[in-house]
Structure formats: C-alpha cells, structure tokens
Amino acid sequence: MPALAEWLRRERGVGLHPSWLSVLLHRDGFRRKRTRDSVRHQADPALQAAAQARLEGLRLCG
C-alpha cells in the first residue's frame, strides 16, 4: 500500500497513511492478493501426455 499511497499523494494531492488506505479499500470490498504465475489452466492434456511419453522414451534410451 505504500506505493499506492505515494501515488495518490503525488498525482492527486491526497495524503493518506498506507495502513488507513488499506482499511478503506478493505471496507469497500477490495482485496490484495498476490497472483500466481501459472498457465496450468490452459494446458492441453493430449499434448502433455505426448510430451510425457517422449520424456519416458528418452529416459529409457539414456
């Protein structure tokens, strides 16, 4: 929240302490959550199975 509080002060002239800004946003239903770096939901099961089979084949040859 410190970066957002600083931006508000600099760009909008609104001075809020970061902890108070957090309380206000939380009260209005905003939540802060770190996003995950994952594309698992986009994975194609058929392509994954084919890649797994190729890896197993390489392990057997090596």
N, C-alpha and C. Protein backbone atom coordinates (compact mmCIF):
# COMPACT_ATOMS: atom_id res chain seq x y z
N MET A 1 0.79 -1.20 0.00
CA MET A 1 0.00 0.00 0.00
C MET A 1 0.84 1.28 0.00
N PRO A 2 2.08 1.22 0.45
CA PRO A 2 2.87 2.45 0.45
C PRO A 2 3.02 3.07 -0.94
N ALA A 3 3.19 2.25 -1.96
CA ALA A 3 3.35 2.78 -3.32
C ALA A 3 2.06 3.46 -3.78
N LEU A 4 0.93 2.86 -3.49
CA LEU A 4 -0.35 3.46 -3.87
C LEU A 4 -0.59 4.76 -3.11
N ALA A 5 -0.27 4.77 -1.82
CA ALA A 5 -0.43 5.99 -1.03
C ALA A 5 0.47 7.10 -1.57
N GLU A 6 1.67 6.75 -1.96
CA GLU A 6 2.60 7.74 -2.53
C GLU A 6 2.08 8.26 -3.86
N TRP A 7 1.55 7.37 -4.69
CA TRP A 7 0.99 7.78 -5.98
C TRP A 7 -0.17 8.74 -5.77
N LEU A 8 -1.06 8.42 -4.84
CA LEU A 8 -2.20 9.29 -4.56
C LEU A 8 -1.74 10.67 -4.10
N ARG A 9 -0.70 10.69 -3.25
CA ARG A 9 -0.18 11.98 -2.77
C ARG A 9 0.41 12.79 -3.92
N ARG A 10 1.21 12.11 -4.75
CA ARG A 10 1.92 12.80 -5.83
C ARG A 10 0.98 13.23 -6.96
N GLU A 11 0.13 12.32 -7.42
CA GLU A 11 -0.70 12.58 -8.59
C GLU A 11 -2.01 13.28 -8.28
N ARG A 12 -2.58 12.99 -7.12
CA ARG A 12 -3.92 13.52 -6.81
C ARG A 12 -3.94 14.49 -5.64
N GLY A 13 -2.82 14.60 -4.94
CA GLY A 13 -2.77 15.51 -3.80
C GLY A 13 -3.54 15.01 -2.59
N VAL A 14 -3.74 13.69 -2.51
CA VAL A 14 -4.48 13.09 -1.40
C VAL A 14 -3.48 12.43 -0.46
N GLY A 15 -3.42 12.92 0.77
CA GLY A 15 -2.48 12.37 1.74
C GLY A 15 -3.15 11.37 2.66
N LEU A 16 -2.83 10.09 2.49
CA LEU A 16 -3.36 9.03 3.34
C LEU A 16 -2.22 8.15 3.81
N HIS A 17 -2.30 7.72 5.05
CA HIS A 17 -1.31 6.77 5.54
C HIS A 17 -1.62 5.42 4.90
N PRO A 18 -0.59 4.66 4.51
CA PRO A 18 -0.82 3.37 3.85
C PRO A 18 -1.75 2.42 4.63
N SER A 19 -1.62 2.40 5.95
CA SER A 19 -2.48 1.49 6.72
C SER A 19 -3.94 1.94 6.68
N TRP A 20 -4.19 3.25 6.68
CA TRP A 20 -5.56 3.75 6.60
C TRP A 20 -6.13 3.51 5.20
N LEU A 21 -5.30 3.65 4.19
CA LEU A 21 -5.72 3.36 2.82
C LEU A 21 -6.13 1.89 2.72
N SER A 22 -5.38 1.02 3.34
CA SER A 22 -5.70 -0.40 3.34
C SER A 22 -7.05 -0.66 4.01
N VAL A 23 -7.30 0.00 5.12
CA VAL A 23 -8.59 -0.15 5.82
C VAL A 23 -9.72 0.32 4.93
N LEU A 24 -9.56 1.46 4.29
CA LEU A 24 -10.62 2.00 3.43
C LEU A 24 -10.92 1.07 2.25
N LEU A 25 -9.88 0.57 1.61
CA LEU A 25 -10.07 -0.32 0.47
C LEU A 25 -10.71 -1.64 0.90
N HIS A 26 -10.26 -2.17 2.03
CA HIS A 26 -10.81 -3.42 2.53
C HIS A 26 -12.29 -3.25 2.88
N ARG A 27 -12.62 -2.13 3.46
CA ARG A 27 -14.01 -1.85 3.84
C ARG A 27 -14.91 -1.79 2.61
N ASP A 28 -14.37 -1.33 1.49
CA ASP A 28 -15.16 -1.24 0.26
C ASP A 28 -15.11 -2.52 -0.58
N GLY A 29 -14.52 -3.58 -0.03
CA GLY A 29 -14.55 -4.87 -0.70
C GLY A 29 -13.34 -5.19 -1.55
N PHE A 30 -12.35 -4.33 -1.57
CA PHE A 30 -11.14 -4.62 -2.35
C PHE A 30 -10.23 -5.53 -1.54
N ARG A 31 -9.63 -6.50 -2.21
CA ARG A 31 -8.70 -7.41 -1.57
C ARG A 31 -7.40 -7.41 -2.34
N ARG A 32 -6.31 -7.52 -1.62
CA ARG A 32 -5.00 -7.58 -2.24
C ARG A 32 -4.52 -9.01 -2.14
N LYS A 33 -4.21 -9.58 -3.28
CA LYS A 33 -3.74 -10.95 -3.28
C LYS A 33 -2.70 -11.09 -4.37
N ARG A 34 -1.61 -11.71 -4.02
CA ARG A 34 -0.54 -11.92 -4.99
C ARG A 34 -1.01 -12.94 -6.03
N THR A 35 -0.79 -12.63 -7.29
CA THR A 35 -1.20 -13.54 -8.34
C THR A 35 -0.17 -14.65 -8.51
N ARG A 36 -0.61 -15.75 -9.06
CA ARG A 36 0.28 -16.86 -9.31
C ARG A 36 0.67 -16.89 -10.78
N ASP A 37 1.90 -17.26 -11.03
CA ASP A 37 2.38 -17.40 -12.40
C ASP A 37 2.16 -18.84 -12.84
N SER A 38 1.01 -19.09 -13.42
CA SER A 38 0.69 -20.45 -13.84
C SER A 38 -0.15 -20.41 -15.11
N VAL A 39 0.12 -21.33 -15.99
CA VAL A 39 -0.70 -21.49 -17.19
C VAL A 39 -1.31 -22.89 -17.19
N ARG A 40 -1.33 -23.52 -16.04
CA ARG A 40 -1.85 -24.88 -15.92
C ARG A 40 -3.28 -24.97 -16.44
N HIS A 41 -4.08 -23.94 -16.21
CA HIS A 41 -5.48 -23.95 -16.66
C HIS A 41 -5.58 -23.93 -18.19
N GLN A 42 -4.51 -23.59 -18.88
CA GLN A 42 -4.50 -23.54 -20.34
C GLN A 42 -3.89 -24.79 -20.97
N ALA A 43 -3.43 -25.71 -20.15
CA ALA A 43 -2.70 -26.88 -20.65
C ALA A 43 -3.63 -27.82 -21.41
N ASP A 44 -3.09 -28.40 -22.47
CA ASP A 44 -3.81 -29.37 -23.29
C ASP A 44 -3.40 -30.77 -22.81
N PRO A 45 -4.33 -31.55 -22.26
CA PRO A 45 -3.98 -32.86 -21.73
C PRO A 45 -3.35 -33.79 -22.77
N ALA A 46 -3.79 -33.72 -24.01
CA ALA A 46 -3.23 -34.59 -25.05
C ALA A 46 -1.76 -34.24 -25.31
N LEU A 47 -1.45 -32.94 -25.37
CA LEU A 47 -0.05 -32.53 -25.58
C LEU A 47 0.82 -32.90 -24.39
N GLN A 48 0.26 -32.78 -23.20
CA GLN A 48 1.02 -33.15 -22.00
C GLN A 48 1.34 -34.63 -22.00
N ALA A 49 0.37 -35.47 -22.38
CA ALA A 49 0.59 -36.91 -22.41
C ALA A 49 1.65 -37.27 -23.45
N ALA A 50 1.60 -36.61 -24.61
CA ALA A 50 2.59 -36.88 -25.65
C ALA A 50 3.99 -36.48 -25.19
N ALA A 51 4.10 -35.36 -24.53
CA ALA A 51 5.40 -34.90 -24.04
C ALA A 51 5.92 -35.83 -22.96
N GLN A 52 5.03 -36.29 -22.09
CA GLN A 52 5.43 -37.22 -21.03
C GLN A 52 5.94 -38.53 -21.64
N ALA A 53 5.26 -39.01 -22.68
CA ALA A 53 5.69 -40.25 -23.35
C ALA A 53 7.07 -40.07 -23.98
N ARG A 54 7.32 -38.91 -24.61
CA ARG A 54 8.63 -38.64 -25.20
C ARG A 54 9.72 -38.62 -24.12
N LEU A 55 9.41 -38.01 -22.98
CA LEU A 55 10.39 -37.96 -21.90
C LEU A 55 10.70 -39.37 -21.38
N GLU A 56 9.66 -40.18 -21.22
CA GLU A 56 9.88 -41.54 -20.77
C GLU A 56 10.74 -42.30 -21.77
N GLY A 57 10.49 -42.09 -23.06
CA GLY A 57 11.31 -42.74 -24.09
C GLY A 57 12.76 -42.32 -24.00
N LEU A 58 13.01 -41.05 -23.74
CA LEU A 58 14.38 -40.57 -23.60
C LEU A 58 15.05 -41.15 -22.37
N ARG A 59 14.31 -41.32 -21.31
CA ARG A 59 14.88 -41.89 -20.09
C ARG A 59 15.28 -43.34 -20.31
N LEU A 60 14.48 -44.07 -21.07
CA LEU A 60 14.78 -45.48 -21.32
C LEU A 60 15.99 -45.64 -22.22
N CYS A 61 16.19 -44.69 -23.15
CA CYS A 61 17.34 -44.76 -24.08
C CYS A 61 18.63 -44.35 -23.39
N GLY A 62 18.55 -43.51 -22.42
CA GLY A 62 19.74 -42.94 -21.81
C GLY A 62 20.31 -43.68 -20.70
